[in-house]
């Protein structure tokens, strides 16, 4: 029984450490709708938009692989760790996790293929 309690305690302790890993950073999650110079505009999950600044210290990652600002494209999903820059009244990114680019949907433009009619094949 004590091993079970120890395992639970360690799991809770490790989970707490992961939650606190980014300190007081704000997590901005959404899709890139504009990339301009040293900032990006992200459409959030609630439909609102947020502009986030970059600086020389900003890290860009896909998983654990280092990337660059040039890898940010319109349509790319991101999770940005940022802090509010009180002077600029904008968020300043410390880390940008780059996700998958959303492919353009052209299924709606294609007509449906006609259904095969087995009675025609006698």
PDB file of N, CA and C in Angstrom:
ATOM      1  N   UNK A   1       0.813  -1.187   0.000  1.00  0.00           N
ATOM      2  CA  UNK A   1       0.000   0.000   0.000  1.00  0.00           C
ATOM      3  C   UNK A   1       0.864   1.261   0.000  1.00  0.00           C
ATOM      4  N   UNK A   2       1.986   1.246   0.694  1.00  0.00           N
ATOM      5  CA  UNK A   2       2.821   2.443   0.763  1.00  0.00           C
ATOM      6  C   UNK A   2       3.474   2.753  -0.589  1.00  0.00           C
ATOM      7  N   UNK A   3       3.763   1.731  -1.398  1.00  0.00           N
ATOM      8  CA  UNK A   3       4.308   1.969  -2.735  1.00  0.00           C
ATOM      9  C   UNK A   3       3.278   2.687  -3.603  1.00  0.00           C
ATOM     10  N   UNK A   4       2.038   2.288  -3.464  1.00  0.00           N
ATOM     11  CA  UNK A   4       0.954   2.908  -4.225  1.00  0.00           C
ATOM     12  C   UNK A   4       0.825   4.394  -3.851  1.00  0.00           C
ATOM     13  N   UNK A   5       0.867   4.696  -2.569  1.00  0.00           N
ATOM     14  CA  UNK A   5       0.780   6.091  -2.097  1.00  0.00           C
ATOM     15  C   UNK A   5       1.980   6.898  -2.567  1.00  0.00           C
ATOM     16  N   UNK A   6       3.157   6.292  -2.545  1.00  0.00           N
ATOM     17  CA  UNK A   6       4.371   6.972  -2.996  1.00  0.00           C
ATOM     18  C   UNK A   6       4.281   7.287  -4.488  1.00  0.00           C
ATOM     19  N   UNK A   7       3.775   6.329  -5.274  1.00  0.00           N
ATOM     20  CA  UNK A   7       3.624   6.548  -6.712  1.00  0.00           C
ATOM     21  C   UNK A   7       2.654   7.688  -6.989  1.00  0.00           C
ATOM     22  N   UNK A   8       1.554   7.743  -6.265  1.00  0.00           N
ATOM     23  CA  UNK A   8       0.578   8.825  -6.435  1.00  0.00           C
ATOM     24  C   UNK A   8       1.201  10.164  -6.056  1.00  0.00           C
ATOM     25  N   UNK A   9       1.927  10.206  -4.946  1.00  0.00           N
ATOM     26  CA  UNK A   9       2.563  11.448  -4.501  1.00  0.00           C
ATOM     27  C   UNK A   9       3.573  11.945  -5.526  1.00  0.00           C
ATOM     28  N   UNK A  10       4.364  11.039  -6.093  1.00  0.00           N
ATOM     29  CA  UNK A  10       5.346  11.438  -7.104  1.00  0.00           C
ATOM     30  C   UNK A  10       4.660  11.943  -8.365  1.00  0.00           C
ATOM     31  N   UNK A  11       3.573  11.299  -8.767  1.00  0.00           N
ATOM     32  CA  UNK A  11       2.829  11.737  -9.949  1.00  0.00           C
ATOM     33  C   UNK A  11       2.283  13.139  -9.755  1.00  0.00           C
ATOM     34  N   UNK A  12       1.702  13.415  -8.604  1.00  0.00           N
ATOM     35  CA  UNK A  12       1.162  14.750  -8.308  1.00  0.00           C
ATOM     36  C   UNK A  12       2.279  15.777  -8.285  1.00  0.00           C
ATOM     37  N   UNK A  13       3.392  15.453  -7.670  1.00  0.00           N
ATOM     38  CA  UNK A  13       4.529  16.368  -7.593  1.00  0.00           C
ATOM     39  C   UNK A  13       5.074  16.695  -8.975  1.00  0.00           C
ATOM     40  N   UNK A  14       5.219  15.681  -9.840  1.00  0.00           N
ATOM     41  CA  UNK A  14       5.733  15.909 -11.190  1.00  0.00           C
ATOM     42  C   UNK A  14       4.747  16.716 -12.020  1.00  0.00           C
ATOM     43  N   UNK A  15       3.462  16.467 -11.871  1.00  0.00           N
ATOM     44  CA  UNK A  15       2.447  17.218 -12.612  1.00  0.00           C
ATOM     45  C   UNK A  15       2.468  18.687 -12.215  1.00  0.00           C
ATOM     46  N   UNK A  16       2.619  18.964 -10.946  1.00  0.00           N
ATOM     47  CA  UNK A  16       2.688  20.342 -10.472  1.00  0.00           C
ATOM     48  C   UNK A  16       3.900  21.045 -11.061  1.00  0.00           C
ATOM     49  N   UNK A  17       5.020  20.343 -11.137  1.00  0.00           N
ATOM     50  CA  UNK A  17       6.229  20.922 -11.722  1.00  0.00           C
ATOM     51  C   UNK A  17       6.041  21.282 -13.178  1.00  0.00           C
ATOM     52  N   UNK A  18       5.344  20.430 -13.925  1.00  0.00           N
ATOM     53  CA  UNK A  18       5.089  20.723 -15.336  1.00  0.00           C
ATOM     54  C   UNK A  18       4.181  21.930 -15.497  1.00  0.00           C
ATOM     55  N   UNK A  19       3.176  22.055 -14.645  1.00  0.00           N
ATOM     56  CA  UNK A  19       2.264  23.187 -14.736  1.00  0.00           C
ATOM     57  C   UNK A  19       2.958  24.509 -14.426  1.00  0.00           C
ATOM     58  N   UNK A  20       3.940  24.472 -13.557  1.00  0.00           N
ATOM     59  CA  UNK A  20       4.638  25.696 -13.163  1.00  0.00           C
ATOM     60  C   UNK A  20       5.869  25.970 -14.017  1.00  0.00           C
ATOM     61  N   UNK A  21       6.151  25.121 -14.992  1.00  0.00           N
ATOM     62  CA  UNK A  21       7.376  25.231 -15.781  1.00  0.00           C
ATOM     63  C   UNK A  21       7.502  26.561 -16.505  1.00  0.00           C
ATOM     64  N   UNK A  22       6.404  27.158 -16.923  1.00  0.00           N
ATOM     65  CA  UNK A  22       6.460  28.414 -17.662  1.00  0.00           C
ATOM     66  C   UNK A  22       6.198  29.617 -16.774  1.00  0.00           C
ATOM     67  N   UNK A  23       6.177  29.418 -15.473  1.00  0.00           N
ATOM     68  CA  UNK A  23       6.024  30.527 -14.541  1.00  0.00           C
ATOM     69  C   UNK A  23       4.769  31.325 -14.789  1.00  0.00           C
ATOM     70  N   UNK A  24       4.942  32.635 -14.929  1.00  0.00           N
ATOM     71  CA  UNK A  24       3.786  33.518 -15.078  1.00  0.00           C
ATOM     72  C   UNK A  24       3.499  33.881 -16.534  1.00  0.00           C
ATOM     73  N   UNK A  25       3.984  33.081 -17.472  1.00  0.00           N
ATOM     74  CA  UNK A  25       3.747  33.346 -18.890  1.00  0.00           C
ATOM     75  C   UNK A  25       2.287  33.098 -19.240  1.00  0.00           C
ATOM     76  N   UNK A  26       1.780  33.883 -20.177  1.00  0.00           N
ATOM     77  CA  UNK A  26       0.443  33.691 -20.720  1.00  0.00           C
ATOM     78  C   UNK A  26       0.571  32.789 -21.934  1.00  0.00           C
ATOM     79  N   UNK A  27      -0.339  31.833 -22.059  1.00  0.00           N
ATOM     80  CA  UNK A  27      -0.324  30.932 -23.206  1.00  0.00           C
ATOM     81  C   UNK A  27      -1.318  31.440 -24.232  1.00  0.00           C
ATOM     82  N   UNK A  28      -0.817  31.769 -25.406  1.00  0.00           N
ATOM     83  CA  UNK A  28      -1.651  32.266 -26.503  1.00  0.00           C
ATOM     84  C   UNK A  28      -1.709  31.154 -27.545  1.00  0.00           C
ATOM     85  N   UNK A  29      -2.912  30.595 -27.742  1.00  0.00           N
ATOM     86  CA  UNK A  29      -3.074  29.465 -28.649  1.00  0.00           C
ATOM     87  C   UNK A  29      -4.027  29.842 -29.770  1.00  0.00           C
ATOM     88  N   UNK A  30      -3.645  29.506 -30.991  1.00  0.00           N
ATOM     89  CA  UNK A  30      -4.523  29.789 -32.116  1.00  0.00           C
ATOM     90  C   UNK A  30      -3.817  29.598 -33.440  1.00  0.00           C
ATOM     91  N   UNK A  31      -4.337  30.289 -34.448  1.00  0.00           N
ATOM     92  CA  UNK A  31      -3.830  30.173 -35.815  1.00  0.00           C
ATOM     93  C   UNK A  31      -3.284  31.517 -36.279  1.00  0.00           C
ATOM     94  N   UNK A  32      -2.112  31.504 -36.894  1.00  0.00           N
ATOM     95  CA  UNK A  32      -1.482  32.726 -37.402  1.00  0.00           C
ATOM     96  C   UNK A  32      -2.322  33.268 -38.561  1.00  0.00           C
ATOM     97  N   UNK A  33      -2.720  34.541 -38.449  1.00  0.00           N
ATOM     98  CA  UNK A  33      -3.476  35.178 -39.538  1.00  0.00           C
ATOM     99  C   UNK A  33      -2.660  36.271 -40.225  1.00  0.00           C
ATOM    100  N   UNK A  34      -1.555  36.708 -39.605  1.00  0.00           N
ATOM    101  CA  UNK A  34      -0.679  37.705 -40.227  1.00  0.00           C
ATOM    102  C   UNK A  34       0.705  37.636 -39.589  1.00  0.00           C
ATOM    103  N   UNK A  35       1.739  37.764 -40.422  1.00  0.00           N
ATOM    104  CA  UNK A  35       3.119  37.849 -39.953  1.00  0.00           C
ATOM    105  C   UNK A  35       3.683  39.119 -40.549  1.00  0.00           C
ATOM    106  N   UNK A  36       4.101  40.046 -39.676  1.00  0.00           N
ATOM    107  CA  UNK A  36       4.624  41.326 -40.153  1.00  0.00           C
ATOM    108  C   UNK A  36       5.836  41.716 -39.325  1.00  0.00           C
ATOM    109  N   UNK A  37       7.013  41.667 -39.930  1.00  0.00           N
ATOM    110  CA  UNK A  37       8.224  42.116 -39.255  1.00  0.00           C
ATOM    111  C   UNK A  37       8.459  41.407 -37.941  1.00  0.00           C
ATOM    112  N   UNK A  38       8.420  42.181 -36.850  1.00  0.00           N
ATOM    113  CA  UNK A  38       8.734  41.629 -35.537  1.00  0.00           C
ATOM    114  C   UNK A  38       7.490  41.267 -34.729  1.00  0.00           C
ATOM    115  N   UNK A  39       6.359  41.065 -35.401  1.00  0.00           N
ATOM    116  CA  UNK A  39       5.169  40.628 -34.671  1.00  0.00           C
ATOM    117  C   UNK A  39       4.272  39.743 -35.537  1.00  0.00           C
ATOM    118  N   UNK A  40       3.370  39.063 -34.855  1.00  0.00           N
ATOM    119  CA  UNK A  40       2.442  38.148 -35.505  1.00  0.00           C
ATOM    120  C   UNK A  40       1.051  38.397 -34.919  1.00  0.00           C
ATOM    121  N   UNK A  41       0.022  38.181 -35.720  1.00  0.00           N
ATOM    122  CA  UNK A  41      -1.347  38.253 -35.225  1.00  0.00           C
ATOM    123  C   UNK A  41      -1.895  36.838 -35.216  1.00  0.00           C
ATOM    124  N   UNK A  42      -2.452  36.443 -34.074  1.00  0.00           N
ATOM    125  CA  UNK A  42      -2.969  35.094 -33.885  1.00  0.00           C
ATOM    126  C   UNK A  42      -4.469  35.169 -33.640  1.00  0.00           C
ATOM    127  N   UNK A  43      -5.229  34.388 -34.397  1.00  0.00           N
ATOM    128  CA  UNK A  43      -6.666  34.268 -34.148  1.00  0.00           C
ATOM    129  C   UNK A  43      -6.832  33.202 -33.076  1.00  0.00           C
ATOM    130  N   UNK A  44      -7.377  33.615 -31.936  1.00  0.00           N
ATOM    131  CA  UNK A  44      -7.519  32.729 -30.794  1.00  0.00           C
ATOM    132  C   UNK A  44      -8.686  31.772 -30.977  1.00  0.00           C
ATOM    133  N   UNK A  45      -8.766  30.797 -30.108  1.00  0.00           N
ATOM    134  CA  UNK A  45      -9.818  29.791 -30.185  1.00  0.00           C
ATOM    135  C   UNK A  45     -11.206  30.386 -29.973  1.00  0.00           C
ATOM    136  N   UNK A  46     -11.285  31.521 -29.278  1.00  0.00           N
ATOM    137  CA  UNK A  46     -12.593  32.156 -29.047  1.00  0.00           C
ATOM    138  C   UNK A  46     -12.974  33.130 -30.164  1.00  0.00           C
ATOM    139  N   UNK A  47     -12.154  33.195 -31.227  1.00  0.00           N
ATOM    140  CA  UNK A  47     -12.447  34.053 -32.366  1.00  0.00           C
ATOM    141  C   UNK A  47     -11.812  35.427 -32.296  1.00  0.00           C
ATOM    142  N   UNK A  48     -11.311  35.826 -31.133  1.00  0.00           N
ATOM    143  CA  UNK A  48     -10.631  37.115 -30.994  1.00  0.00           C
ATOM    144  C   UNK A  48      -9.226  37.010 -31.567  1.00  0.00           C
ATOM    145  N   UNK A  49      -8.590  38.157 -31.808  1.00  0.00           N
ATOM    146  CA  UNK A  49      -7.217  38.185 -32.318  1.00  0.00           C
ATOM    147  C   UNK A  49      -6.300  38.820 -31.295  1.00  0.00           C
ATOM    148  N   UNK A  50      -5.044  38.382 -31.286  1.00  0.00           N
ATOM    149  CA  UNK A  50      -4.037  38.925 -30.374  1.00  0.00           C
ATOM    150  C   UNK A  50      -2.752  39.140 -31.145  1.00  0.00           C
ATOM    151  N   UNK A  51      -2.147  40.328 -30.996  1.00  0.00           N
ATOM    152  CA  UNK A  51      -0.870  40.615 -31.631  1.00  0.00           C
ATOM    153  C   UNK A  51       0.241  40.331 -30.624  1.00  0.00           C
ATOM    154  N   UNK A  52       1.279  39.634 -31.085  1.00  0.00           N
ATOM    155  CA  UNK A  52       2.390  39.243 -30.214  1.00  0.00           C
ATOM    156  C   UNK A  52       3.694  39.677 -30.865  1.00  0.00           C
ATOM    157  N   UNK A  53       4.548  40.334 -30.076  1.00  0.00           N
ATOM    158  CA  UNK A  53       5.858  40.794 -30.552  1.00  0.00           C
ATOM    159  C   UNK A  53       6.916  39.716 -30.353  1.00  0.00           C
ATOM    160  N   UNK A  54       7.953  39.758 -31.180  1.00  0.00           N
ATOM    161  CA  UNK A  54       9.124  38.902 -31.037  1.00  0.00           C
ATOM    162  C   UNK A  54      10.328  39.772 -30.730  1.00  0.00           C
ATOM    163  N   UNK A  55      11.343  39.166 -30.112  1.00  0.00           N
ATOM    164  CA  UNK A  55      12.626  39.848 -29.954  1.00  0.00           C
ATOM    165  C   UNK A  55      13.730  38.834 -30.179  1.00  0.00           C
ATOM    166  N   UNK A  56      14.966  39.237 -29.985  1.00  0.00           N
ATOM    167  CA  UNK A  56      16.102  38.353 -30.262  1.00  0.00           C
ATOM    168  C   UNK A  56      16.121  37.125 -29.364  1.00  0.00           C
ATOM    169  N   UNK A  57      15.503  37.207 -28.203  1.00  0.00           N
ATOM    170  CA  UNK A  57      15.507  36.087 -27.261  1.00  0.00           C
ATOM    171  C   UNK A  57      14.381  35.078 -27.517  1.00  0.00           C
ATOM    172  N   UNK A  58      13.439  35.397 -28.405  1.00  0.00           N
ATOM    173  CA  UNK A  58      12.320  34.496 -28.671  1.00  0.00           C
ATOM    174  C   UNK A  58      12.824  33.195 -29.284  1.00  0.00           C
ATOM    175  N   UNK A  59      12.344  32.067 -28.731  1.00  0.00           N
ATOM    176  CA  UNK A  59      12.703  30.746 -29.256  1.00  0.00           C
ATOM    177  C   UNK A  59      11.542  30.223 -30.086  1.00  0.00           C
ATOM    178  N   UNK A  60      11.862  29.562 -31.199  1.00  0.00           N
ATOM    179  CA  UNK A  60      10.874  28.981 -32.101  1.00  0.00           C
ATOM    180  C   UNK A  60      11.128  27.485 -32.152  1.00  0.00           C
ATOM    181  N   UNK A  61      10.102  26.687 -31.899  1.00  0.00           N
ATOM    182  CA  UNK A  61      10.269  25.241 -31.836  1.00  0.00           C
ATOM    183  C   UNK A  61       9.140  24.516 -32.554  1.00  0.00           C
ATOM    184  N   UNK A  62       9.469  23.360 -33.130  1.00  0.00           N
ATOM    185  CA  UNK A  62       8.485  22.370 -33.550  1.00  0.00           C
ATOM    186  C   UNK A  62       8.855  21.140 -32.734  1.00  0.00           C
ATOM    187  N   UNK A  63       8.052  20.839 -31.721  1.00  0.00           N
ATOM    188  CA  UNK A  63       8.425  19.795 -30.762  1.00  0.00           C
ATOM    189  C   UNK A  63       9.647  20.272 -30.003  1.00  0.00           C
ATOM    190  N   UNK A  64      10.751  19.545 -30.123  1.00  0.00           N
ATOM    191  CA  UNK A  64      12.001  19.967 -29.481  1.00  0.00           C
ATOM    192  C   UNK A  64      13.010  20.502 -30.500  1.00  0.00           C
ATOM    193  N   UNK A  65      12.621  20.514 -31.784  1.00  0.00           N
ATOM    194  CA  UNK A  65      13.515  20.962 -32.853  1.00  0.00           C
ATOM    195  C   UNK A  65      13.466  22.481 -32.989  1.00  0.00           C
ATOM    196  N   UNK A  66      14.625  23.116 -32.963  1.00  0.00           N
ATOM    197  CA  UNK A  66      14.708  24.572 -33.103  1.00  0.00           C
ATOM    198  C   UNK A  66      14.345  24.993 -34.520  1.00  0.00           C
ATOM    199  N   UNK A  67      13.574  26.048 -34.617  1.00  0.00           N
ATOM    200  CA  UNK A  67      13.154  26.606 -35.898  1.00  0.00           C
ATOM    201  C   UNK A  67      13.484  28.096 -35.899  1.00  0.00           C
ATOM    202  N   UNK A  68      13.019  28.833 -36.914  1.00  0.00           N
ATOM    203  CA  UNK A  68      13.247  30.266 -36.986  1.00  0.00           C
ATOM    204  C   UNK A  68      11.919  30.985 -37.189  1.00  0.00           C
ATOM    205  N   UNK A  69      11.952  32.293 -37.068  1.00  0.00           N
ATOM    206  CA  UNK A  69      10.759  33.103 -37.294  1.00  0.00           C
ATOM    207  C   UNK A  69      10.221  32.903 -38.714  1.00  0.00           C
ATOM    208  N   UNK A  70      11.110  32.633 -39.654  1.00  0.00           N
ATOM    209  CA  UNK A  70      10.700  32.420 -41.047  1.00  0.00           C
ATOM    210  C   UNK A  70       9.789  31.202 -41.203  1.00  0.00           C
ATOM    211  N   UNK A  71       9.785  30.306 -40.220  1.00  0.00           N
ATOM    212  CA  UNK A  71       8.930  29.115 -40.277  1.00  0.00           C
ATOM    213  C   UNK A  71       7.480  29.423 -39.902  1.00  0.00           C
ATOM    214  N   UNK A  72       7.216  30.627 -39.427  1.00  0.00           N
ATOM    215  CA  UNK A  72       5.838  31.035 -39.118  1.00  0.00           C
ATOM    216  C   UNK A  72       5.162  31.499 -40.392  1.00  0.00           C
ATOM    217  N   UNK A  73       4.077  30.875 -40.737  1.00  0.00           N
ATOM    218  CA  UNK A  73       3.327  31.215 -41.944  1.00  0.00           C
ATOM    219  C   UNK A  73       1.859  31.395 -41.592  1.00  0.00           C
ATOM    220  N   UNK A  74       1.144  32.148 -42.394  1.00  0.00           N
ATOM    221  CA  UNK A  74      -0.292  32.300 -42.215  1.00  0.00           C
ATOM    222  C   UNK A  74      -0.923  30.910 -42.317  1.00  0.00           C
ATOM    223  N   UNK A  75      -1.797  30.587 -41.377  1.00  0.00           N
ATOM    224  CA  UNK A  75      -2.446  29.283 -41.337  1.00  0.00           C
ATOM    225  C   UNK A  75      -1.788  28.315 -40.374  1.00  0.00           C
ATOM    226  N   UNK A  76      -0.605  28.666 -39.867  1.00  0.00           N
ATOM    227  CA  UNK A  76       0.105  27.796 -38.938  1.00  0.00           C
ATOM    228  C   UNK A  76      -0.516  27.901 -37.553  1.00  0.00           C
ATOM    229  N   UNK A  77      -0.705  26.766 -36.915  1.00  0.00           N
ATOM    230  CA  UNK A  77      -1.206  26.751 -35.535  1.00  0.00           C
ATOM    231  C   UNK A  77      -0.027  26.952 -34.604  1.00  0.00           C
ATOM    232  N   UNK A  78      -0.228  27.740 -33.538  1.00  0.00           N
ATOM    233  CA  UNK A  78       0.850  28.043 -32.607  1.00  0.00           C
ATOM    234  C   UNK A  78       0.358  28.026 -31.164  1.00  0.00           C
ATOM    235  N   UNK A  79       1.307  27.796 -30.270  1.00  0.00           N
ATOM    236  CA  UNK A  79       1.122  28.018 -28.837  1.00  0.00           C
ATOM    237  C   UNK A  79       2.296  28.900 -28.444  1.00  0.00           C
ATOM    238  N   UNK A  80       1.979  30.102 -27.975  1.00  0.00           N
ATOM    239  CA  UNK A  80       3.019  31.082 -27.666  1.00  0.00           C
ATOM    240  C   UNK A  80       3.018  31.349 -26.170  1.00  0.00           C
ATOM    241  N   UNK A  81       4.201  31.243 -25.547  1.00  0.00           N
ATOM    242  CA  UNK A  81       4.380  31.659 -24.163  1.00  0.00           C
ATOM    243  C   UNK A  81       4.844  33.106 -24.214  1.00  0.00           C
ATOM    244  N   UNK A  82       4.085  33.999 -23.580  1.00  0.00           N
ATOM    245  CA  UNK A  82       4.396  35.422 -23.677  1.00  0.00           C
ATOM    246  C   UNK A  82       4.082  36.134 -22.368  1.00  0.00           C
ATOM    247  N   UNK A  83       4.689  37.286 -22.213  1.00  0.00           N
ATOM    248  CA  UNK A  83       4.406  38.168 -21.079  1.00  0.00           C
ATOM    249  C   UNK A  83       3.996  39.527 -21.627  1.00  0.00           C
ATOM    250  N   UNK A  84       3.133  40.204 -20.900  1.00  0.00           N
ATOM    251  CA  UNK A  84       2.683  41.526 -21.308  1.00  0.00           C
ATOM    252  C   UNK A  84       3.820  42.533 -21.143  1.00  0.00           C
ATOM    253  N   UNK A  85       4.121  43.258 -22.207  1.00  0.00           N
ATOM    254  CA  UNK A  85       5.084  44.348 -22.167  1.00  0.00           C
ATOM    255  C   UNK A  85       4.274  45.589 -21.825  1.00  0.00           C
ATOM    256  N   UNK A  86       4.366  46.045 -20.597  1.00  0.00           N
ATOM    257  CA  UNK A  86       3.547  47.165 -20.113  1.00  0.00           C
ATOM    258  C   UNK A  86       3.821  48.455 -20.882  1.00  0.00           C
ATOM    259  N   UNK A  87       5.058  48.644 -21.319  1.00  0.00           N
ATOM    260  CA  UNK A  87       5.406  49.848 -22.076  1.00  0.00           C
ATOM    261  C   UNK A  87       4.725  49.851 -23.449  1.00  0.00           C
ATOM    262  N   UNK A  88       4.746  48.710 -24.130  1.00  0.00           N
ATOM    263  CA  UNK A  88       4.186  48.607 -25.479  1.00  0.00           C
ATOM    264  C   UNK A  88       2.703  48.216 -25.474  1.00  0.00           C
ATOM    265  N   UNK A  89       2.215  47.728 -24.324  1.00  0.00           N
ATOM    266  CA  UNK A  89       0.826  47.256 -24.201  1.00  0.00           C
ATOM    267  C   UNK A  89       0.543  46.123 -25.180  1.00  0.00           C
ATOM    268  N   UNK A  90       1.548  45.257 -25.370  1.00  0.00           N
ATOM    269  CA  UNK A  90       1.435  44.084 -26.238  1.00  0.00           C
ATOM    270  C   UNK A  90       2.156  42.927 -25.553  1.00  0.00           C
ATOM    271  N   UNK A  91       1.799  41.719 -25.965  1.00  0.00           N
ATOM    272  CA  UNK A  91       2.523  40.554 -25.470  1.00  0.00           C
ATOM    273  C   UNK A  91       3.853  40.430 -26.189  1.00  0.00           C
ATOM    274  N   UNK A  92       4.872  39.981 -25.441  1.00  0.00           N
ATOM    275  CA  UNK A  92       6.208  39.718 -25.988  1.00  0.00           C
ATOM    276  C   UNK A  92       6.472  38.226 -25.821  1.00  0.00           C
ATOM    277  N   UNK A  93       6.718  37.527 -26.934  1.00  0.00           N
ATOM    278  CA  UNK A  93       6.880  36.073 -26.923  1.00  0.00           C
ATOM    279  C   UNK A  93       8.246  35.670 -26.391  1.00  0.00           C
ATOM    280  N   UNK A  94       8.245  34.681 -25.505  1.00  0.00           N
ATOM    281  CA  UNK A  94       9.505  34.081 -25.080  1.00  0.00           C
ATOM    282  C   UNK A  94       9.733  32.771 -25.834  1.00  0.00           C
ATOM    283  N   UNK A  95       8.620  32.042 -26.139  1.00  0.00           N
ATOM    284  CA  UNK A  95       8.726  30.788 -26.870  1.00  0.00           C
ATOM    285  C   UNK A  95       7.510  30.606 -27.763  1.00  0.00           C
ATOM    286  N   UNK A  96       7.750  30.138 -28.977  1.00  0.00           N
ATOM    287  CA  UNK A  96       6.682  29.880 -29.943  1.00  0.00           C
ATOM    288  C   UNK A  96       6.759  28.416 -30.344  1.00  0.00           C
ATOM    289  N   UNK A  97       5.728  27.647 -29.992  1.00  0.00           N
ATOM    290  CA  UNK A  97       5.619  26.260 -30.443  1.00  0.00           C
ATOM    291  C   UNK A  97       4.834  26.283 -31.746  1.00  0.00           C
ATOM    292  N   UNK A  98       5.484  25.873 -32.818  1.00  0.00           N
ATOM    293  CA  UNK A  98       4.873  25.905 -34.144  1.00  0.00           C
ATOM    294  C   UNK A  98       4.230  24.558 -34.415  1.00  0.00           C
ATOM    295  N   UNK A  99       2.973  24.603 -34.859  1.00  0.00           N
ATOM    296  CA  UNK A  99       2.237  23.379 -35.167  1.00  0.00           C
ATOM    297  C   UNK A  99       2.163  23.146 -36.654  1.00  0.00           C
ATOM    298  N   UNK A 100       1.091  22.547 -37.073  1.00  0.00           N
ATOM    299  CA  UNK A 100       0.889  22.153 -38.462  1.00  0.00           C
ATOM    300  C   UNK A 100       0.132  23.244 -39.200  1.00  0.00           C
ATOM    301  N   UNK A 101       0.534  23.512 -40.437  1.00  0.00           N
ATOM    302  CA  UNK A 101      -0.180  24.466 -41.278  1.00  0.00           C
ATOM    303  C   UNK A 101      -1.502  23.844 -41.691  1.00  0.00           C
ATOM    304  N   UNK A 102      -2.579  24.604 -41.556  1.00  0.00           N
ATOM    305  CA  UNK A 102      -3.892  24.125 -41.944  1.00  0.00           C
ATOM    306  C   UNK A 102      -3.988  24.124 -43.459  1.00  0.00           C
ATOM    307  N   UNK A 103      -4.260  22.959 -44.072  1.00  0.00           N
ATOM    308  CA  UNK A 103      -4.345  22.922 -45.534  1.00  0.00           C
ATOM    309  C   UNK A 103      -5.602  23.622 -46.037  1.00  0.00           C
ATOM    310  N   UNK A 104      -5.490  24.220 -47.202  1.00  0.00           N
ATOM    311  CA  UNK A 104      -6.657  24.865 -47.811  1.00  0.00           C
ATOM    312  C   UNK A 104      -7.651  23.790 -48.197  1.00  0.00           C
ATOM    313  N   UNK A 105      -8.895  24.015 -47.891  1.00  0.00           N
ATOM    314  CA  UNK A 105      -9.923  23.030 -48.199  1.00  0.00           C
ATOM    315  C   UNK A 105     -10.492  23.312 -49.585  1.00  0.00           C
ATOM    316  N   UNK A 106     -10.285  22.381 -50.504  1.00  0.00           N
ATOM    317  CA  UNK A 106     -10.863  22.537 -51.832  1.00  0.00           C
ATOM    318  C   UNK A 106     -11.810  21.382 -52.142  1.00  0.00           C
ATOM    319  N   UNK A 107     -12.230  20.667 -51.095  1.00  0.00           N
ATOM    320  CA  UNK A 107     -13.197  19.592 -51.284  1.00  0.00           C
ATOM    321  C   UNK A 107     -14.556  20.139 -51.682  1.00  0.00           C
ATOM    322  N   UNK A 108     -14.918  21.317 -51.184  1.00  0.00           N
ATOM    323  CA  UNK A 108     -16.227  21.889 -51.479  1.00  0.00           C
ATOM    324  C   UNK A 108     -16.343  22.273 -52.956  1.00  0.00           C
ATOM    325  N   UNK A 109     -15.220  22.572 -53.595  1.00  0.00           N
ATOM    326  CA  UNK A 109     -15.254  23.002 -54.990  1.00  0.00           C
ATOM    327  C   UNK A 109     -15.349  21.823 -55.955  1.00  0.00           C
ATOM    328  N   UNK A 110     -15.022  20.621 -55.480  1.00  0.00           N
ATOM    329  CA  UNK A 110     -15.047  19.455 -56.349  1.00  0.00           C
ATOM    330  C   UNK A 110     -16.447  18.852 -56.372  1.00  0.00           C
ATOM    331  N   UNK A 111     -16.971  18.541 -57.555  1.00  0.00           N
ATOM    332  CA  UNK A 111     -18.276  17.883 -57.599  1.00  0.00           C
ATOM    333  C   UNK A 111     -18.154  16.442 -57.133  1.00  0.00           C
ATOM    334  N   UNK A 112     -19.211  15.928 -56.554  1.00  0.00           N
ATOM    335  CA  UNK A 112     -19.215  14.544 -56.092  1.00  0.00           C
ATOM    336  C   UNK A 112     -19.183  13.607 -57.279  1.00  0.00           C
ATOM    337  N   UNK A 113     -18.474  12.516 -57.144  1.00  0.00           N
ATOM    338  CA  UNK A 113     -18.405  11.518 -58.220  1.00  0.00           C
ATOM    339  C   UNK A 113     -19.749  10.821 -58.323  1.00  0.00           C
ATOM    340  N   UNK A 114     -20.198  10.516 -59.539  1.00  0.00           N
ATOM    341  CA  UNK A 114     -21.477   9.841 -59.674  1.00  0.00           C
ATOM    342  C   UNK A 114     -21.417   8.446 -59.086  1.00  0.00           C
ATOM    343  N   UNK A 115     -22.511   8.044 -58.459  1.00  0.00           N
ATOM    344  CA  UNK A 115     -22.586   6.720 -57.861  1.00  0.00           C
ATOM    345  C   UNK A 115     -22.709   5.670 -58.953  1.00  0.00           C
ATOM    346  N   UNK A 116     -22.045   4.539 -58.772  1.00  0.00           N
ATOM    347  CA  UNK A 116     -22.121   3.448 -59.751  1.00  0.00           C
ATOM    348  C   UNK A 116     -23.472   2.761 -59.619  1.00  0.00           C
ATOM    349  N   UNK A 117     -24.067   2.464 -60.723  1.00  0.00           N
ATOM    350  CA  UNK A 117     -25.359   1.795 -60.740  1.00  0.00           C
ATOM    351  C   UNK A 117     -25.123   0.383 -61.298  1.00  0.00           C
ATOM    352  N   UNK A 118     -25.232  -0.621 -60.429  1.00  0.00           N
ATOM    353  CA  UNK A 118     -24.933  -1.986 -60.828  1.00  0.00           C
ATOM    354  C   UNK A 118     -25.920  -2.506 -61.872  1.00  0.00           C
ATOM    355  N   UNK A 119     -27.111  -1.952 -61.989  1.00  0.00           N
ATOM    356  CA  UNK A 119     -28.099  -2.408 -62.969  1.00  0.00           C
ATOM    357  C   UNK A 119     -27.638  -2.080 -64.387  1.00  0.00           C
ATOM    358  N   UNK A 120     -26.758  -1.068 -64.557  1.00  0.00           N
ATOM    359  CA  UNK A 120     -26.278  -0.680 -65.883  1.00  0.00           C
ATOM    360  C   UNK A 120     -25.215  -1.629 -66.423  1.00  0.00           C
ATOM    361  N   UNK A 121     -24.693  -2.509 -65.597  1.00  0.00           N
ATOM    362  CA  UNK A 121     -23.568  -3.356 -66.007  1.00  0.00           C
ATOM    363  C   UNK A 121     -24.020  -4.777 -66.363  1.00  0.00           C
ATOM    364  N   UNK A 122     -25.171  -4.971 -66.956  1.00  0.00           N
ATOM    365  CA  UNK A 122     -25.669  -6.318 -67.297  1.00  0.00           C
ATOM    366  C   UNK A 122     -24.945  -6.897 -68.444  1.00  0.00           C
TER     367      UNK A 122
END
